Protein backbone atom coordinates (compact mmCIF):
# COMPACT_ATOMS: atom_id res chain seq x y z
CA UNK A 1 0.00 0.00 0.00
CA UNK A 2 2.81 2.42 0.83
CA UNK A 3 4.55 1.53 -2.42
CA UNK A 4 1.45 2.49 -4.40
CA UNK A 5 1.12 5.75 -2.47
CA UNK A 6 4.77 6.58 -3.21
CA UNK A 7 4.22 5.93 -6.90
CA UNK A 8 1.16 8.16 -7.00
CA UNK A 9 2.88 10.97 -5.09
CA UNK A 10 5.99 10.73 -7.31
CA UNK A 11 3.90 10.97 -10.48
CA UNK A 12 1.81 13.83 -9.07
CA UNK A 13 4.98 15.76 -8.29
CA UNK A 14 6.20 15.21 -11.86
CA UNK A 15 2.85 16.48 -13.18
CA UNK A 16 3.12 19.54 -10.93
CA UNK A 17 6.63 20.16 -12.27
CA UNK A 18 5.31 20.01 -15.84
CA UNK A 19 2.59 22.53 -14.99
CA UNK A 20 5.08 24.84 -13.29
CA UNK A 21 7.48 24.53 -16.22
CA UNK A 22 5.01 25.51 -18.93
CA UNK A 23 3.18 28.15 -16.89
CA UNK A 24 4.15 31.82 -17.12
CA UNK A 25 7.38 32.61 -15.27
CA UNK A 26 5.56 34.68 -12.66
CA UNK A 27 3.51 31.66 -11.56
CA UNK A 28 6.53 29.45 -10.95
CA UNK A 29 6.70 28.39 -7.29
CA UNK A 30 9.81 29.55 -5.45
CA UNK A 31 11.46 28.26 -2.29
CA UNK A 32 13.57 31.37 -1.86
CA UNK A 33 17.03 29.94 -2.51
CA UNK A 34 17.26 30.48 -6.25
CA UNK A 35 15.90 28.65 -9.28
CA UNK A 36 18.59 25.95 -9.38
CA UNK A 37 17.74 24.97 -5.81
CA UNK A 38 14.03 24.88 -6.70
CA UNK A 39 14.69 22.67 -9.72
CA UNK A 40 16.97 20.33 -7.80
CA UNK A 41 14.64 19.92 -4.82
CA UNK A 42 11.53 19.36 -6.94
CA UNK A 43 13.14 16.50 -8.81
CA UNK A 44 14.89 15.19 -5.68
CA UNK A 45 11.55 14.77 -3.91
CA UNK A 46 9.94 13.22 -6.97
CA UNK A 47 12.90 10.86 -7.35
CA UNK A 48 12.68 9.84 -3.70
CA UNK A 49 9.02 8.92 -3.99
CA UNK A 50 9.50 7.13 -7.31
CA UNK A 51 12.53 5.31 -5.91
CA UNK A 52 10.50 4.03 -2.96
CA UNK A 53 7.52 3.30 -5.19
CA UNK A 54 9.48 1.37 -7.80
CA UNK A 55 11.96 -0.30 -5.48
CA UNK A 56 12.65 -3.29 -7.76
CA UNK A 57 12.78 -1.17 -10.89
CA UNK A 58 15.04 1.54 -9.53
CA UNK A 59 17.16 1.72 -12.71
CA UNK A 60 13.97 2.33 -14.67
CA UNK A 61 13.11 5.11 -12.21
CA UNK A 62 16.57 6.65 -12.70
CA UNK A 63 16.00 6.68 -16.45
CA UNK A 64 12.51 8.07 -16.01
CA UNK A 65 13.58 11.08 -13.96
CA UNK A 66 16.57 11.80 -16.20
CA UNK A 67 14.54 11.66 -19.42
CA UNK A 68 11.71 13.60 -17.77
CA UNK A 69 14.10 16.36 -16.72
CA UNK A 70 15.26 16.96 -20.27
CA UNK A 71 11.81 16.45 -21.77
CA UNK A 72 10.13 18.82 -19.35
CA UNK A 73 12.82 21.41 -19.96
CA UNK A 74 12.24 21.09 -23.72
CA UNK A 75 8.53 21.83 -23.16
CA UNK A 76 9.55 25.40 -22.42
CA UNK A 77 10.01 25.90 -26.17
CA UNK A 78 6.20 25.87 -26.34
CA UNK A 79 5.85 29.01 -24.22
CA UNK A 80 6.92 32.45 -25.41
CA UNK A 81 8.18 33.76 -22.05
CA UNK A 82 10.28 30.73 -21.01
CA UNK A 83 13.58 29.37 -22.31
CA UNK A 84 15.02 25.88 -22.17
CA UNK A 85 18.61 25.52 -21.00
CA UNK A 86 20.84 22.49 -20.87
CA UNK A 87 22.12 23.49 -17.41
CA UNK A 88 18.58 23.66 -15.99
CA UNK A 89 17.81 20.18 -17.33
CA UNK A 90 21.08 18.86 -15.88
CA UNK A 91 20.25 20.26 -12.43
CA UNK A 92 16.78 18.69 -12.61
CA UNK A 93 18.18 15.33 -13.73
CA UNK A 94 20.82 15.37 -10.98
CA UNK A 95 18.17 15.98 -8.34
CA UNK A 96 15.92 13.21 -9.64
CA UNK A 97 18.72 10.67 -10.00
CA UNK A 98 20.03 11.48 -6.53
CA UNK A 99 16.53 11.06 -5.11
CA UNK A 100 16.07 7.62 -6.67
CA UNK A 101 19.55 6.52 -5.59
CA UNK A 102 18.98 7.76 -2.04
CA UNK A 103 15.72 5.80 -1.83
CA UNK A 104 17.45 2.72 -3.24
CA UNK A 105 20.27 3.00 -0.69
CA UNK A 106 17.78 3.32 2.18
CA UNK A 107 15.95 0.22 0.95
CA UNK A 108 19.16 -1.76 0.49
CA UNK A 109 20.51 -0.81 3.91
CA UNK A 110 17.20 -1.51 5.63
CA UNK A 111 17.12 -5.10 4.32
CA UNK A 112 20.72 -5.85 5.33
C-alpha atoms as a PDB file:
ATOM      1  CA  UNK A   1       0.000   0.000   0.000  1.00  0.00           C
ATOM      2  CA  UNK A   2       2.814   2.416   0.829  1.00  0.00           C
ATOM      3  CA  UNK A   3       4.553   1.528  -2.419  1.00  0.00           C
ATOM      4  CA  UNK A   4       1.449   2.489  -4.403  1.00  0.00           C
ATOM      5  CA  UNK A   5       1.119   5.745  -2.468  1.00  0.00           C
ATOM      6  CA  UNK A   6       4.767   6.578  -3.209  1.00  0.00           C
ATOM      7  CA  UNK A   7       4.220   5.928  -6.898  1.00  0.00           C
ATOM      8  CA  UNK A   8       1.155   8.163  -7.003  1.00  0.00           C
ATOM      9  CA  UNK A   9       2.885  10.969  -5.095  1.00  0.00           C
ATOM     10  CA  UNK A  10       5.994  10.730  -7.309  1.00  0.00           C
ATOM     11  CA  UNK A  11       3.901  10.968 -10.481  1.00  0.00           C
ATOM     12  CA  UNK A  12       1.810  13.831  -9.066  1.00  0.00           C
ATOM     13  CA  UNK A  13       4.980  15.762  -8.292  1.00  0.00           C
ATOM     14  CA  UNK A  14       6.202  15.215 -11.865  1.00  0.00           C
ATOM     15  CA  UNK A  15       2.853  16.476 -13.179  1.00  0.00           C
ATOM     16  CA  UNK A  16       3.120  19.541 -10.927  1.00  0.00           C
ATOM     17  CA  UNK A  17       6.630  20.163 -12.268  1.00  0.00           C
ATOM     18  CA  UNK A  18       5.307  20.015 -15.835  1.00  0.00           C
ATOM     19  CA  UNK A  19       2.594  22.526 -14.987  1.00  0.00           C
ATOM     20  CA  UNK A  20       5.082  24.842 -13.287  1.00  0.00           C
ATOM     21  CA  UNK A  21       7.478  24.534 -16.219  1.00  0.00           C
ATOM     22  CA  UNK A  22       5.011  25.507 -18.932  1.00  0.00           C
ATOM     23  CA  UNK A  23       3.184  28.151 -16.887  1.00  0.00           C
ATOM     24  CA  UNK A  24       4.153  31.825 -17.119  1.00  0.00           C
ATOM     25  CA  UNK A  25       7.377  32.611 -15.271  1.00  0.00           C
ATOM     26  CA  UNK A  26       5.559  34.680 -12.661  1.00  0.00           C
ATOM     27  CA  UNK A  27       3.508  31.662 -11.564  1.00  0.00           C
ATOM     28  CA  UNK A  28       6.528  29.448 -10.949  1.00  0.00           C
ATOM     29  CA  UNK A  29       6.702  28.388  -7.290  1.00  0.00           C
ATOM     30  CA  UNK A  30       9.807  29.551  -5.450  1.00  0.00           C
ATOM     31  CA  UNK A  31      11.462  28.260  -2.290  1.00  0.00           C
ATOM     32  CA  UNK A  32      13.568  31.374  -1.858  1.00  0.00           C
ATOM     33  CA  UNK A  33      17.033  29.940  -2.512  1.00  0.00           C
ATOM     34  CA  UNK A  34      17.257  30.483  -6.252  1.00  0.00           C
ATOM     35  CA  UNK A  35      15.896  28.653  -9.277  1.00  0.00           C
ATOM     36  CA  UNK A  36      18.595  25.945  -9.376  1.00  0.00           C
ATOM     37  CA  UNK A  37      17.740  24.969  -5.812  1.00  0.00           C
ATOM     38  CA  UNK A  38      14.030  24.880  -6.701  1.00  0.00           C
ATOM     39  CA  UNK A  39      14.685  22.666  -9.722  1.00  0.00           C
ATOM     40  CA  UNK A  40      16.968  20.333  -7.803  1.00  0.00           C
ATOM     41  CA  UNK A  41      14.640  19.920  -4.818  1.00  0.00           C
ATOM     42  CA  UNK A  42      11.531  19.364  -6.939  1.00  0.00           C
ATOM     43  CA  UNK A  43      13.142  16.501  -8.808  1.00  0.00           C
ATOM     44  CA  UNK A  44      14.886  15.195  -5.682  1.00  0.00           C
ATOM     45  CA  UNK A  45      11.545  14.773  -3.914  1.00  0.00           C
ATOM     46  CA  UNK A  46       9.939  13.217  -6.970  1.00  0.00           C
ATOM     47  CA  UNK A  47      12.904  10.863  -7.349  1.00  0.00           C
ATOM     48  CA  UNK A  48      12.681   9.838  -3.695  1.00  0.00           C
ATOM     49  CA  UNK A  49       9.020   8.917  -3.990  1.00  0.00           C
ATOM     50  CA  UNK A  50       9.502   7.134  -7.314  1.00  0.00           C
ATOM     51  CA  UNK A  51      12.529   5.313  -5.909  1.00  0.00           C
ATOM     52  CA  UNK A  52      10.504   4.032  -2.963  1.00  0.00           C
ATOM     53  CA  UNK A  53       7.523   3.301  -5.190  1.00  0.00           C
ATOM     54  CA  UNK A  54       9.478   1.373  -7.801  1.00  0.00           C
ATOM     55  CA  UNK A  55      11.956  -0.300  -5.482  1.00  0.00           C
ATOM     56  CA  UNK A  56      12.649  -3.287  -7.757  1.00  0.00           C
ATOM     57  CA  UNK A  57      12.783  -1.166 -10.894  1.00  0.00           C
ATOM     58  CA  UNK A  58      15.043   1.540  -9.533  1.00  0.00           C
ATOM     59  CA  UNK A  59      17.157   1.716 -12.706  1.00  0.00           C
ATOM     60  CA  UNK A  60      13.966   2.333 -14.672  1.00  0.00           C
ATOM     61  CA  UNK A  61      13.106   5.114 -12.208  1.00  0.00           C
ATOM     62  CA  UNK A  62      16.573   6.652 -12.704  1.00  0.00           C
ATOM     63  CA  UNK A  63      16.003   6.684 -16.452  1.00  0.00           C
ATOM     64  CA  UNK A  64      12.505   8.071 -16.009  1.00  0.00           C
ATOM     65  CA  UNK A  65      13.580  11.081 -13.961  1.00  0.00           C
ATOM     66  CA  UNK A  66      16.568  11.797 -16.201  1.00  0.00           C
ATOM     67  CA  UNK A  67      14.545  11.657 -19.419  1.00  0.00           C
ATOM     68  CA  UNK A  68      11.714  13.604 -17.772  1.00  0.00           C
ATOM     69  CA  UNK A  69      14.099  16.356 -16.720  1.00  0.00           C
ATOM     70  CA  UNK A  70      15.262  16.957 -20.274  1.00  0.00           C
ATOM     71  CA  UNK A  71      11.814  16.449 -21.765  1.00  0.00           C
ATOM     72  CA  UNK A  72      10.130  18.821 -19.353  1.00  0.00           C
ATOM     73  CA  UNK A  73      12.824  21.411 -19.963  1.00  0.00           C
ATOM     74  CA  UNK A  74      12.238  21.091 -23.724  1.00  0.00           C
ATOM     75  CA  UNK A  75       8.529  21.829 -23.157  1.00  0.00           C
ATOM     76  CA  UNK A  76       9.551  25.403 -22.415  1.00  0.00           C
ATOM     77  CA  UNK A  77      10.010  25.900 -26.168  1.00  0.00           C
ATOM     78  CA  UNK A  78       6.202  25.870 -26.337  1.00  0.00           C
ATOM     79  CA  UNK A  79       5.848  29.009 -24.216  1.00  0.00           C
ATOM     80  CA  UNK A  80       6.920  32.454 -25.414  1.00  0.00           C
ATOM     81  CA  UNK A  81       8.181  33.756 -22.053  1.00  0.00           C
ATOM     82  CA  UNK A  82      10.279  30.726 -21.011  1.00  0.00           C
ATOM     83  CA  UNK A  83      13.576  29.372 -22.308  1.00  0.00           C
ATOM     84  CA  UNK A  84      15.024  25.883 -22.175  1.00  0.00           C
ATOM     85  CA  UNK A  85      18.612  25.519 -20.996  1.00  0.00           C
ATOM     86  CA  UNK A  86      20.839  22.490 -20.866  1.00  0.00           C
ATOM     87  CA  UNK A  87      22.120  23.489 -17.408  1.00  0.00           C
ATOM     88  CA  UNK A  88      18.579  23.656 -15.989  1.00  0.00           C
ATOM     89  CA  UNK A  89      17.810  20.177 -17.329  1.00  0.00           C
ATOM     90  CA  UNK A  90      21.075  18.864 -15.882  1.00  0.00           C
ATOM     91  CA  UNK A  91      20.251  20.260 -12.433  1.00  0.00           C
ATOM     92  CA  UNK A  92      16.784  18.689 -12.607  1.00  0.00           C
ATOM     93  CA  UNK A  93      18.177  15.329 -13.730  1.00  0.00           C
ATOM     94  CA  UNK A  94      20.820  15.369 -10.980  1.00  0.00           C
ATOM     95  CA  UNK A  95      18.165  15.981  -8.340  1.00  0.00           C
ATOM     96  CA  UNK A  96      15.924  13.215  -9.640  1.00  0.00           C
ATOM     97  CA  UNK A  97      18.719  10.672 -10.000  1.00  0.00           C
ATOM     98  CA  UNK A  98      20.029  11.484  -6.526  1.00  0.00           C
ATOM     99  CA  UNK A  99      16.529  11.058  -5.114  1.00  0.00           C
ATOM    100  CA  UNK A 100      16.068   7.618  -6.670  1.00  0.00           C
ATOM    101  CA  UNK A 101      19.554   6.524  -5.592  1.00  0.00           C
ATOM    102  CA  UNK A 102      18.979   7.761  -2.038  1.00  0.00           C
ATOM    103  CA  UNK A 103      15.716   5.800  -1.835  1.00  0.00           C
ATOM    104  CA  UNK A 104      17.452   2.721  -3.235  1.00  0.00           C
ATOM    105  CA  UNK A 105      20.266   2.997  -0.686  1.00  0.00           C
ATOM    106  CA  UNK A 106      17.781   3.317   2.181  1.00  0.00           C
ATOM    107  CA  UNK A 107      15.946   0.221   0.946  1.00  0.00           C
ATOM    108  CA  UNK A 108      19.158  -1.759   0.491  1.00  0.00           C
ATOM    109  CA  UNK A 109      20.505  -0.812   3.909  1.00  0.00           C
ATOM    110  CA  UNK A 110      17.200  -1.515   5.632  1.00  0.00           C
ATOM    111  CA  UNK A 111      17.123  -5.104   4.324  1.00  0.00           C
ATOM    112  CA  UNK A 112      20.724  -5.845   5.327  1.00  0.00           C
END
